[in-house]
């Protein structure tokens, strides 16, 4: 049973692979906070403009208005009176996000962060591992493997590899289980499309 802290801030991390419902869960928690009449401030990285430039958007098309920022240092000056702070796509903010979240929580705010815990190679994706270590609550979501239907915790890049950061959705990534994940081998498009 989870005990809610009182008179103190804390950090909640929602993590997992692509298509595991991280943003959907973040939106659910933020909406509940607004229903409880708590002031909420939501942030997203400028680099993530897949579905909207000014909203966090889940793959299931749920949306909430957000501040768009270039780096983690911009978050505190835009929080205002909010008691709940949401951060989506945290892996794009880099290691500076950890200190920002710690400062906000130490100041009495509830900080909810969502992001990928692994990159397309299956390697830990900073700052998520550190955020998970300092958070009071961690939720790891699983997707469904798009190859075999098993629980999936990895993001398979299905287009040209190269740079660690490639913002994309179903055209670039698939959720994969441990068995079906291929860390360094790109599959031909025909195999992926026709199940060959």
N, C-alpha and C. Protein backbone atom coordinates (compact mmCIF):
# COMPACT_ATOMS: atom_id res chain seq x y z
N UNK A 1 0.84 -1.19 0.00
CA UNK A 1 0.00 0.00 0.00
C UNK A 1 0.88 1.24 0.00
N UNK A 2 0.57 2.16 -0.89
CA UNK A 2 1.35 3.38 -1.01
C UNK A 2 0.82 4.43 -0.04
N UNK A 3 1.70 5.03 0.72
CA UNK A 3 1.32 6.07 1.67
C UNK A 3 1.66 7.41 1.05
N UNK A 4 0.71 8.32 0.98
CA UNK A 4 0.96 9.64 0.41
C UNK A 4 1.66 10.51 1.44
N UNK A 5 2.78 11.14 1.07
CA UNK A 5 3.47 12.04 1.99
C UNK A 5 2.61 13.24 2.36
N UNK A 6 2.87 13.82 3.53
CA UNK A 6 2.15 15.02 3.97
C UNK A 6 3.16 16.08 4.38
N UNK A 7 2.89 17.32 3.99
CA UNK A 7 3.73 18.46 4.34
C UNK A 7 5.17 18.30 3.86
N UNK A 8 5.35 17.67 2.72
CA UNK A 8 6.68 17.47 2.14
C UNK A 8 6.52 17.27 0.63
N UNK A 9 7.54 17.65 -0.12
CA UNK A 9 7.52 17.37 -1.55
C UNK A 9 8.08 16.00 -1.83
N UNK A 10 7.89 15.54 -3.06
CA UNK A 10 8.43 14.24 -3.44
C UNK A 10 8.52 14.13 -4.96
N UNK A 11 9.22 13.09 -5.40
CA UNK A 11 9.40 12.83 -6.84
C UNK A 11 8.77 11.50 -7.19
N UNK A 12 7.99 11.49 -8.27
CA UNK A 12 7.42 10.27 -8.83
C UNK A 12 8.00 10.11 -10.24
N UNK A 13 8.46 8.92 -10.56
CA UNK A 13 8.99 8.65 -11.90
C UNK A 13 8.11 7.60 -12.57
N UNK A 14 7.72 7.90 -13.79
CA UNK A 14 6.98 6.95 -14.64
C UNK A 14 7.92 6.63 -15.81
N UNK A 15 8.28 5.38 -15.94
CA UNK A 15 9.26 5.04 -16.97
C UNK A 15 8.86 3.77 -17.70
N UNK A 16 9.63 3.41 -18.70
CA UNK A 16 9.36 2.24 -19.53
C UNK A 16 9.81 2.52 -20.94
N UNK A 17 9.46 1.63 -21.85
CA UNK A 17 9.86 1.77 -23.25
C UNK A 17 8.83 2.58 -24.03
N UNK A 18 9.07 2.74 -25.30
CA UNK A 18 8.11 3.40 -26.18
C UNK A 18 6.79 2.60 -26.16
N UNK A 19 5.68 3.31 -26.23
CA UNK A 19 4.33 2.73 -26.33
C UNK A 19 3.90 1.98 -25.06
N UNK A 20 4.51 2.32 -23.93
CA UNK A 20 4.11 1.67 -22.67
C UNK A 20 3.12 2.50 -21.87
N UNK A 21 2.74 3.67 -22.36
CA UNK A 21 1.73 4.47 -21.68
C UNK A 21 2.28 5.44 -20.65
N UNK A 22 3.54 5.84 -20.77
CA UNK A 22 4.14 6.76 -19.80
C UNK A 22 3.43 8.11 -19.79
N UNK A 23 3.28 8.72 -20.96
CA UNK A 23 2.64 10.04 -21.03
C UNK A 23 1.17 9.94 -20.64
N UNK A 24 0.52 8.87 -21.02
CA UNK A 24 -0.88 8.65 -20.65
C UNK A 24 -1.02 8.62 -19.12
N UNK A 25 -0.11 7.93 -18.44
CA UNK A 25 -0.14 7.87 -16.98
C UNK A 25 0.20 9.23 -16.37
N UNK A 26 1.15 9.94 -16.96
CA UNK A 26 1.47 11.29 -16.48
C UNK A 26 0.24 12.19 -16.59
N UNK A 27 -0.43 12.16 -17.71
CA UNK A 27 -1.64 12.97 -17.91
C UNK A 27 -2.71 12.58 -16.90
N UNK A 28 -2.89 11.29 -16.65
CA UNK A 28 -3.89 10.84 -15.68
C UNK A 28 -3.61 11.44 -14.30
N UNK A 29 -2.36 11.38 -13.86
CA UNK A 29 -2.01 11.92 -12.54
C UNK A 29 -2.17 13.43 -12.48
N UNK A 30 -1.79 14.12 -13.55
CA UNK A 30 -1.91 15.57 -13.57
C UNK A 30 -3.38 16.01 -13.60
N UNK A 31 -4.20 15.27 -14.34
CA UNK A 31 -5.64 15.60 -14.36
C UNK A 31 -6.27 15.41 -12.98
N UNK A 32 -5.89 14.34 -12.30
CA UNK A 32 -6.41 14.12 -10.95
C UNK A 32 -6.02 15.26 -10.02
N UNK A 33 -4.81 15.76 -10.17
CA UNK A 33 -4.37 16.89 -9.34
C UNK A 33 -5.21 18.14 -9.64
N UNK A 34 -5.52 18.38 -10.91
CA UNK A 34 -6.35 19.55 -11.24
C UNK A 34 -7.78 19.37 -10.74
N UNK A 35 -8.30 18.13 -10.77
CA UNK A 35 -9.63 17.88 -10.21
C UNK A 35 -9.65 18.19 -8.72
N UNK A 36 -8.52 17.98 -8.06
CA UNK A 36 -8.40 18.26 -6.62
C UNK A 36 -8.08 19.74 -6.38
N UNK A 37 -8.16 20.55 -7.42
CA UNK A 37 -7.93 22.00 -7.36
C UNK A 37 -6.50 22.36 -6.95
N UNK A 38 -5.57 21.52 -7.34
CA UNK A 38 -4.17 21.83 -7.11
C UNK A 38 -3.62 22.53 -8.35
N UNK A 39 -2.78 23.52 -8.15
CA UNK A 39 -2.16 24.20 -9.28
C UNK A 39 -1.08 23.30 -9.87
N UNK A 40 -1.12 23.19 -11.20
CA UNK A 40 -0.23 22.28 -11.91
C UNK A 40 0.56 23.06 -12.97
N UNK A 41 1.85 22.76 -13.10
CA UNK A 41 2.68 23.29 -14.19
C UNK A 41 3.28 22.09 -14.92
N UNK A 42 3.17 22.08 -16.25
CA UNK A 42 3.61 20.94 -17.06
C UNK A 42 4.67 21.42 -18.05
N UNK A 43 5.70 20.60 -18.22
CA UNK A 43 6.83 20.96 -19.08
C UNK A 43 7.15 19.85 -20.07
N UNK A 44 7.56 20.26 -21.26
CA UNK A 44 8.03 19.32 -22.28
C UNK A 44 9.23 19.92 -22.98
N UNK A 45 10.12 19.08 -23.52
CA UNK A 45 11.29 19.59 -24.24
C UNK A 45 10.91 20.08 -25.64
N UNK A 46 11.54 21.15 -26.04
CA UNK A 46 11.27 21.73 -27.36
C UNK A 46 11.50 20.71 -28.49
N UNK A 47 12.46 19.81 -28.31
CA UNK A 47 12.80 18.83 -29.35
C UNK A 47 11.64 17.90 -29.69
N UNK A 48 10.71 17.71 -28.75
CA UNK A 48 9.60 16.77 -28.97
C UNK A 48 8.39 17.51 -29.55
N UNK A 49 8.32 17.57 -30.87
CA UNK A 49 7.19 18.22 -31.53
C UNK A 49 6.40 17.24 -32.39
N UNK A 50 6.42 15.95 -32.01
CA UNK A 50 5.77 14.92 -32.82
C UNK A 50 4.28 15.18 -33.02
N UNK A 51 3.55 15.44 -31.96
CA UNK A 51 2.09 15.56 -32.06
C UNK A 51 1.62 16.99 -31.85
N UNK A 52 2.38 17.78 -31.10
CA UNK A 52 1.98 19.15 -30.79
C UNK A 52 3.20 19.92 -30.33
N UNK A 53 3.21 21.21 -30.62
CA UNK A 53 4.32 22.03 -30.15
C UNK A 53 4.07 22.60 -28.77
N UNK A 54 2.82 22.62 -28.31
CA UNK A 54 2.52 23.28 -27.03
C UNK A 54 1.76 22.39 -26.05
N UNK A 55 1.73 21.09 -26.32
CA UNK A 55 1.02 20.17 -25.42
C UNK A 55 1.84 18.91 -25.25
N UNK A 56 1.65 18.24 -24.09
CA UNK A 56 2.11 16.86 -24.00
C UNK A 56 0.98 16.03 -24.56
N UNK A 57 1.33 15.03 -25.37
CA UNK A 57 0.32 14.24 -26.07
C UNK A 57 0.72 12.77 -25.99
N UNK A 58 -0.22 11.93 -25.57
CA UNK A 58 0.03 10.49 -25.52
C UNK A 58 -0.20 9.90 -26.90
N UNK A 59 0.29 8.68 -27.11
CA UNK A 59 0.04 8.00 -28.38
C UNK A 59 -1.45 7.72 -28.57
N UNK A 60 -2.22 7.72 -27.47
CA UNK A 60 -3.67 7.53 -27.57
C UNK A 60 -4.40 8.87 -27.71
N UNK A 61 -3.65 9.95 -27.97
CA UNK A 61 -4.17 11.28 -28.28
C UNK A 61 -4.78 12.01 -27.08
N UNK A 62 -4.37 11.69 -25.87
CA UNK A 62 -4.74 12.50 -24.72
C UNK A 62 -3.76 13.67 -24.67
N UNK A 63 -4.24 14.86 -24.25
CA UNK A 63 -3.41 16.05 -24.32
C UNK A 63 -3.58 16.93 -23.09
N UNK A 64 -2.50 17.64 -22.76
CA UNK A 64 -2.53 18.71 -21.76
C UNK A 64 -1.58 19.81 -22.21
N UNK A 65 -1.99 21.04 -22.01
CA UNK A 65 -1.15 22.20 -22.35
C UNK A 65 0.12 22.18 -21.52
N UNK A 66 1.24 22.57 -22.12
CA UNK A 66 2.53 22.51 -21.42
C UNK A 66 3.41 23.70 -21.80
N UNK A 67 4.32 24.02 -20.90
CA UNK A 67 5.39 24.95 -21.21
C UNK A 67 6.41 24.18 -22.05
N UNK A 68 6.89 24.80 -23.11
CA UNK A 68 7.91 24.19 -23.94
C UNK A 68 9.24 24.85 -23.57
N UNK A 69 10.21 24.04 -23.15
CA UNK A 69 11.49 24.58 -22.71
C UNK A 69 12.64 23.87 -23.41
N UNK A 70 13.74 24.58 -23.53
CA UNK A 70 14.93 24.06 -24.18
C UNK A 70 15.75 23.20 -23.24
N UNK A 71 15.85 23.62 -21.98
CA UNK A 71 16.68 22.91 -21.01
C UNK A 71 16.04 22.92 -19.63
N UNK A 72 16.51 22.02 -18.78
CA UNK A 72 15.93 21.84 -17.44
C UNK A 72 16.00 23.11 -16.60
N UNK A 73 17.02 23.92 -16.77
CA UNK A 73 17.19 25.14 -15.97
C UNK A 73 16.04 26.12 -16.15
N UNK A 74 15.28 26.01 -17.23
CA UNK A 74 14.15 26.91 -17.47
C UNK A 74 12.91 26.53 -16.66
N UNK A 75 12.87 25.33 -16.15
CA UNK A 75 11.67 24.85 -15.46
C UNK A 75 11.36 25.65 -14.19
N UNK A 76 12.30 25.81 -13.25
CA UNK A 76 11.94 26.47 -11.98
C UNK A 76 11.35 27.86 -12.15
N UNK A 77 11.85 28.65 -13.08
CA UNK A 77 11.34 30.01 -13.22
C UNK A 77 9.95 30.08 -13.84
N UNK A 78 9.46 28.96 -14.35
CA UNK A 78 8.11 28.91 -14.93
C UNK A 78 7.11 28.14 -14.08
N UNK A 79 7.52 27.66 -12.91
CA UNK A 79 6.64 26.87 -12.05
C UNK A 79 5.58 27.75 -11.38
N UNK A 80 5.94 28.97 -11.02
CA UNK A 80 5.00 29.87 -10.36
C UNK A 80 4.52 29.29 -9.05
N UNK A 81 3.21 29.32 -8.82
CA UNK A 81 2.60 28.84 -7.57
C UNK A 81 2.21 27.36 -7.62
N UNK A 82 2.55 26.69 -8.70
CA UNK A 82 2.14 25.29 -8.85
C UNK A 82 2.69 24.43 -7.71
N UNK A 83 1.83 23.53 -7.22
CA UNK A 83 2.26 22.58 -6.19
C UNK A 83 2.56 21.22 -6.80
N UNK A 84 2.13 21.02 -8.05
CA UNK A 84 2.40 19.79 -8.79
C UNK A 84 3.10 20.18 -10.09
N UNK A 85 4.25 19.55 -10.34
CA UNK A 85 5.03 19.85 -11.54
C UNK A 85 5.17 18.56 -12.34
N UNK A 86 4.75 18.60 -13.60
CA UNK A 86 4.88 17.45 -14.49
C UNK A 86 5.94 17.71 -15.54
N UNK A 87 6.76 16.69 -15.81
CA UNK A 87 7.80 16.79 -16.84
C UNK A 87 7.69 15.56 -17.74
N UNK A 88 7.47 15.79 -19.03
CA UNK A 88 7.37 14.68 -19.98
C UNK A 88 8.66 14.58 -20.79
N UNK A 89 8.94 13.38 -21.30
CA UNK A 89 10.12 13.10 -22.13
C UNK A 89 11.40 13.56 -21.44
N UNK A 90 11.53 13.17 -20.18
CA UNK A 90 12.64 13.61 -19.33
C UNK A 90 14.00 13.24 -19.88
N UNK A 91 14.09 12.17 -20.65
CA UNK A 91 15.40 11.74 -21.18
C UNK A 91 16.01 12.80 -22.08
N UNK A 92 15.23 13.73 -22.61
CA UNK A 92 15.75 14.76 -23.48
C UNK A 92 16.34 15.96 -22.72
N UNK A 93 16.18 16.00 -21.40
CA UNK A 93 16.67 17.14 -20.62
C UNK A 93 18.08 16.96 -20.08
N UNK A 94 18.61 15.75 -20.08
CA UNK A 94 19.96 15.53 -19.61
C UNK A 94 20.09 15.56 -18.09
N UNK A 95 21.31 15.42 -17.58
CA UNK A 95 21.54 15.25 -16.15
C UNK A 95 21.14 16.44 -15.28
N UNK A 96 21.05 17.64 -15.85
CA UNK A 96 20.65 18.81 -15.05
C UNK A 96 19.24 18.68 -14.49
N UNK A 97 18.43 17.84 -15.10
CA UNK A 97 17.05 17.68 -14.63
C UNK A 97 16.99 17.12 -13.21
N UNK A 98 17.95 16.32 -12.83
CA UNK A 98 17.94 15.71 -11.49
C UNK A 98 17.96 16.78 -10.41
N UNK A 99 18.89 17.71 -10.49
CA UNK A 99 18.98 18.78 -9.48
C UNK A 99 17.73 19.64 -9.48
N UNK A 100 17.17 19.91 -10.66
CA UNK A 100 15.94 20.71 -10.74
C UNK A 100 14.81 20.00 -10.01
N UNK A 101 14.63 18.71 -10.26
CA UNK A 101 13.57 17.94 -9.61
C UNK A 101 13.80 17.87 -8.09
N UNK A 102 15.04 17.65 -7.69
CA UNK A 102 15.37 17.60 -6.26
C UNK A 102 15.04 18.94 -5.59
N UNK A 103 15.41 20.05 -6.21
CA UNK A 103 15.13 21.36 -5.63
C UNK A 103 13.64 21.62 -5.51
N UNK A 104 12.88 21.25 -6.54
CA UNK A 104 11.44 21.44 -6.50
C UNK A 104 10.80 20.59 -5.40
N UNK A 105 11.21 19.34 -5.29
CA UNK A 105 10.68 18.46 -4.25
C UNK A 105 11.10 18.95 -2.86
N UNK A 106 12.35 19.39 -2.72
CA UNK A 106 12.81 19.91 -1.44
C UNK A 106 12.05 21.17 -1.04
N UNK A 107 11.51 21.87 -2.05
CA UNK A 107 10.71 23.06 -1.79
C UNK A 107 9.25 22.75 -1.52
N UNK A 108 8.90 21.48 -1.41
CA UNK A 108 7.54 21.09 -1.04
C UNK A 108 6.62 20.74 -2.19
N UNK A 109 7.14 20.62 -3.39
CA UNK A 109 6.29 20.32 -4.54
C UNK A 109 6.29 18.82 -4.86
N UNK A 110 5.18 18.37 -5.43
CA UNK A 110 5.08 17.02 -5.99
C UNK A 110 5.57 17.10 -7.42
N UNK A 111 6.61 16.35 -7.75
CA UNK A 111 7.21 16.38 -9.08
C UNK A 111 6.97 15.02 -9.73
N UNK A 112 6.31 15.03 -10.89
CA UNK A 112 6.01 13.79 -11.62
C UNK A 112 6.75 13.84 -12.95
N UNK A 113 7.64 12.88 -13.15
CA UNK A 113 8.51 12.86 -14.33
C UNK A 113 8.26 11.59 -15.13
N UNK A 114 8.11 11.74 -16.45
CA UNK A 114 7.94 10.57 -17.32
C UNK A 114 9.04 10.57 -18.37
N UNK A 115 9.59 9.38 -18.65
CA UNK A 115 10.61 9.29 -19.68
C UNK A 115 11.11 7.87 -19.90
N UNK A 116 11.84 7.69 -20.98
CA UNK A 116 12.42 6.39 -21.33
C UNK A 116 13.54 6.04 -20.37
N UNK A 117 13.57 4.79 -19.91
CA UNK A 117 14.67 4.36 -19.03
C UNK A 117 15.82 3.77 -19.82
N UNK A 118 15.59 3.38 -21.10
CA UNK A 118 16.64 2.81 -21.94
C UNK A 118 16.61 3.48 -23.31
N UNK A 119 17.77 3.60 -23.93
CA UNK A 119 17.81 4.11 -25.29
C UNK A 119 17.58 2.96 -26.28
N UNK A 120 17.71 3.23 -27.57
CA UNK A 120 17.41 2.20 -28.58
C UNK A 120 18.42 1.06 -28.57
N UNK A 121 19.54 1.24 -27.86
CA UNK A 121 20.54 0.17 -27.75
C UNK A 121 20.31 -0.69 -26.52
N UNK A 122 19.30 -0.33 -25.71
CA UNK A 122 19.04 -1.06 -24.48
C UNK A 122 19.92 -0.58 -23.33
N UNK A 123 20.55 0.59 -23.47
CA UNK A 123 21.42 1.14 -22.44
C UNK A 123 20.64 2.14 -21.58
N UNK A 124 20.99 2.27 -20.29
CA UNK A 124 20.31 3.25 -19.44
C UNK A 124 20.37 4.64 -20.06
N UNK A 125 19.25 5.35 -20.01
CA UNK A 125 19.09 6.64 -20.67
C UNK A 125 19.03 7.72 -19.60
N UNK A 126 20.18 8.36 -19.34
CA UNK A 126 20.22 9.44 -18.34
C UNK A 126 19.31 10.58 -18.78
N UNK A 127 18.68 11.22 -17.84
CA UNK A 127 18.86 11.17 -16.39
C UNK A 127 17.93 10.20 -15.67
N UNK A 128 17.22 9.34 -16.41
CA UNK A 128 16.20 8.50 -15.79
C UNK A 128 16.73 7.57 -14.69
N UNK A 129 17.86 6.87 -14.88
CA UNK A 129 18.33 5.99 -13.80
C UNK A 129 18.59 6.76 -12.49
N UNK A 130 19.17 7.95 -12.59
CA UNK A 130 19.43 8.74 -11.39
C UNK A 130 18.13 9.23 -10.78
N UNK A 131 17.20 9.67 -11.61
CA UNK A 131 15.89 10.10 -11.09
C UNK A 131 15.18 8.95 -10.39
N UNK A 132 15.26 7.74 -10.94
CA UNK A 132 14.64 6.59 -10.28
C UNK A 132 15.27 6.34 -8.93
N UNK A 133 16.58 6.57 -8.82
CA UNK A 133 17.27 6.34 -7.55
C UNK A 133 16.86 7.34 -6.47
N UNK A 134 16.59 8.59 -6.84
CA UNK A 134 16.27 9.62 -5.84
C UNK A 134 14.77 9.78 -5.63
N UNK A 135 13.95 9.15 -6.46
CA UNK A 135 12.49 9.31 -6.37
C UNK A 135 11.91 8.51 -5.21
N UNK A 136 10.82 9.03 -4.67
CA UNK A 136 10.08 8.29 -3.65
C UNK A 136 9.24 7.17 -4.28
N UNK A 137 8.75 7.41 -5.50
CA UNK A 137 7.89 6.44 -6.17
C UNK A 137 8.37 6.22 -7.60
N UNK A 138 8.44 4.98 -8.02
CA UNK A 138 8.83 4.64 -9.39
C UNK A 138 7.82 3.66 -9.96
N UNK A 139 7.29 3.98 -11.12
CA UNK A 139 6.37 3.10 -11.84
C UNK A 139 7.03 2.74 -13.16
N UNK A 140 7.24 1.44 -13.38
CA UNK A 140 7.79 1.01 -14.67
C UNK A 140 6.68 0.36 -15.47
N UNK A 141 6.30 1.02 -16.56
CA UNK A 141 5.27 0.50 -17.44
C UNK A 141 5.89 -0.44 -18.47
N UNK A 142 5.14 -1.45 -18.85
CA UNK A 142 5.53 -2.34 -19.93
C UNK A 142 4.58 -2.16 -21.10
N UNK A 143 5.09 -2.34 -22.29
CA UNK A 143 4.27 -2.34 -23.50
C UNK A 143 4.03 -3.80 -23.88
N UNK A 144 3.53 -4.01 -25.09
CA UNK A 144 3.35 -5.35 -25.63
C UNK A 144 4.30 -5.49 -26.82
N UNK A 145 5.08 -6.55 -26.81
CA UNK A 145 6.05 -6.78 -27.89
C UNK A 145 5.32 -6.86 -29.23
N UNK A 146 5.78 -6.07 -30.18
CA UNK A 146 5.15 -6.03 -31.49
C UNK A 146 5.56 -7.20 -32.38
N UNK A 147 6.43 -8.07 -31.86
CA UNK A 147 6.82 -9.27 -32.59
C UNK A 147 6.08 -10.50 -32.08
N UNK A 148 6.03 -10.67 -30.74
CA UNK A 148 5.51 -11.94 -30.20
C UNK A 148 4.39 -11.78 -29.18
N UNK A 149 4.10 -10.56 -28.73
CA UNK A 149 3.02 -10.34 -27.79
C UNK A 149 3.40 -10.46 -26.32
N UNK A 150 4.66 -10.74 -26.02
CA UNK A 150 5.11 -10.80 -24.63
C UNK A 150 5.20 -9.39 -24.03
N UNK A 151 5.32 -9.29 -22.71
CA UNK A 151 5.56 -7.97 -22.10
C UNK A 151 6.87 -7.38 -22.65
N UNK A 152 6.81 -6.12 -23.04
CA UNK A 152 7.96 -5.47 -23.68
C UNK A 152 8.49 -4.34 -22.81
N UNK A 153 9.82 -4.27 -22.69
CA UNK A 153 10.43 -3.18 -21.93
C UNK A 153 11.55 -2.49 -22.71
N UNK A 154 11.63 -2.72 -24.02
CA UNK A 154 12.69 -2.14 -24.84
C UNK A 154 12.11 -1.45 -26.07
N UNK A 155 12.82 -0.45 -26.55
CA UNK A 155 12.41 0.31 -27.73
C UNK A 155 13.32 -0.06 -28.89
N UNK A 156 12.78 -0.80 -29.86
CA UNK A 156 13.56 -1.21 -31.03
C UNK A 156 13.48 -0.13 -32.09
N UNK A 157 14.61 0.44 -32.46
CA UNK A 157 14.62 1.41 -33.56
C UNK A 157 14.60 0.63 -34.86
N UNK A 158 13.69 0.97 -35.74
CA UNK A 158 13.51 0.22 -36.98
C UNK A 158 13.92 1.03 -38.21
N UNK A 159 14.52 2.18 -37.98
CA UNK A 159 15.05 2.99 -39.07
C UNK A 159 16.54 3.14 -38.84
N UNK A 160 17.22 3.83 -39.74
CA UNK A 160 18.66 4.01 -39.64
C UNK A 160 19.08 4.45 -38.24
N UNK A 161 20.06 3.78 -37.72
CA UNK A 161 20.52 4.09 -36.36
C UNK A 161 21.39 5.33 -36.40
N UNK A 162 22.43 5.39 -35.65
CA UNK A 162 23.28 6.57 -35.67
C UNK A 162 23.13 7.35 -34.39
N UNK A 163 22.58 8.54 -34.46
CA UNK A 163 22.45 9.41 -33.29
C UNK A 163 21.61 8.74 -32.20
N UNK A 164 21.99 8.97 -30.96
CA UNK A 164 21.25 8.39 -29.84
C UNK A 164 19.83 8.92 -29.78
N UNK A 165 19.66 10.21 -30.06
CA UNK A 165 18.34 10.83 -29.98
C UNK A 165 17.75 10.92 -31.37
N UNK A 166 16.61 10.28 -31.55
CA UNK A 166 15.82 10.37 -32.77
C UNK A 166 14.37 10.42 -32.33
N UNK A 167 13.77 11.60 -32.41
CA UNK A 167 12.38 11.75 -31.99
C UNK A 167 11.50 11.09 -33.04
N UNK A 168 10.64 10.19 -32.61
CA UNK A 168 9.78 9.50 -33.55
C UNK A 168 8.71 8.70 -32.83
N UNK A 169 7.89 8.02 -33.61
CA UNK A 169 6.82 7.18 -33.06
C UNK A 169 6.82 5.86 -33.81
N UNK A 170 5.66 5.39 -34.29
CA UNK A 170 5.57 4.07 -34.90
C UNK A 170 6.37 3.94 -36.19
N UNK A 171 6.69 5.06 -36.85
CA UNK A 171 7.50 4.99 -38.06
C UNK A 171 8.97 4.71 -37.76
N UNK A 172 9.38 4.91 -36.49
CA UNK A 172 10.79 4.77 -36.13
C UNK A 172 11.07 3.70 -35.07
N UNK A 173 10.05 3.33 -34.29
CA UNK A 173 10.27 2.45 -33.14
C UNK A 173 9.18 1.39 -33.02
N UNK A 174 9.55 0.28 -32.39
CA UNK A 174 8.60 -0.76 -31.98
C UNK A 174 8.92 -1.16 -30.56
N UNK A 175 7.91 -1.51 -29.80
CA UNK A 175 8.12 -2.09 -28.47
C UNK A 175 8.55 -3.54 -28.65
N UNK A 176 9.57 -3.96 -27.90
CA UNK A 176 10.06 -5.33 -28.00
C UNK A 176 10.32 -5.92 -26.62
N UNK A 177 10.17 -7.23 -26.52
CA UNK A 177 10.53 -7.95 -25.30
C UNK A 177 12.03 -8.26 -25.34
N UNK A 178 12.53 -8.79 -24.27
CA UNK A 178 13.96 -9.15 -24.16
C UNK A 178 14.37 -10.12 -25.28
N UNK A 179 13.50 -11.09 -25.61
CA UNK A 179 13.83 -12.11 -26.61
C UNK A 179 13.88 -11.53 -28.02
N UNK A 180 12.97 -10.62 -28.34
CA UNK A 180 12.85 -10.11 -29.71
C UNK A 180 13.68 -8.86 -29.97
N UNK A 181 14.21 -8.25 -28.93
CA UNK A 181 15.00 -7.03 -29.08
C UNK A 181 16.34 -7.34 -29.73
N UNK A 182 16.70 -6.57 -30.75
CA UNK A 182 17.98 -6.73 -31.44
C UNK A 182 18.73 -5.40 -31.28
N UNK A 183 19.70 -5.33 -30.37
CA UNK A 183 20.30 -4.03 -30.04
C UNK A 183 21.09 -3.35 -31.13
N UNK A 184 21.76 -4.04 -31.99
CA UNK A 184 22.62 -3.37 -32.98
C UNK A 184 22.33 -3.75 -34.41
N UNK A 185 21.23 -4.42 -34.67
CA UNK A 185 20.95 -4.90 -36.01
C UNK A 185 19.63 -4.30 -36.49
N UNK A 186 19.66 -3.55 -37.58
CA UNK A 186 18.44 -2.96 -38.11
C UNK A 186 17.74 -3.98 -39.00
N UNK A 187 16.45 -4.16 -38.80
CA UNK A 187 15.68 -5.10 -39.61
C UNK A 187 15.29 -4.46 -40.93
N UNK A 188 15.24 -5.23 -42.00
CA UNK A 188 14.71 -4.69 -43.25
C UNK A 188 13.24 -4.35 -43.08
N UNK A 189 12.80 -3.29 -43.75
CA UNK A 189 11.41 -2.85 -43.63
C UNK A 189 10.44 -3.95 -44.04
N UNK A 190 10.76 -4.75 -45.08
CA UNK A 190 9.86 -5.79 -45.54
C UNK A 190 9.59 -6.80 -44.42
N UNK A 191 10.62 -7.18 -43.67
CA UNK A 191 10.45 -8.14 -42.58
C UNK A 191 9.48 -7.60 -41.54
N UNK A 192 9.66 -6.31 -41.20
CA UNK A 192 8.82 -5.69 -40.19
C UNK A 192 7.38 -5.58 -40.67
N UNK A 193 7.19 -5.20 -41.94
CA UNK A 193 5.84 -4.94 -42.43
C UNK A 193 5.06 -6.23 -42.68
N UNK A 194 5.72 -7.24 -43.16
CA UNK A 194 5.01 -8.44 -43.58
C UNK A 194 5.24 -9.62 -42.66
N UNK A 195 5.93 -9.40 -41.55
CA UNK A 195 6.11 -10.46 -40.55
C UNK A 195 7.02 -11.59 -41.01
N UNK A 196 7.78 -11.41 -42.08
CA UNK A 196 8.62 -12.42 -42.68
C UNK A 196 9.74 -12.86 -41.87
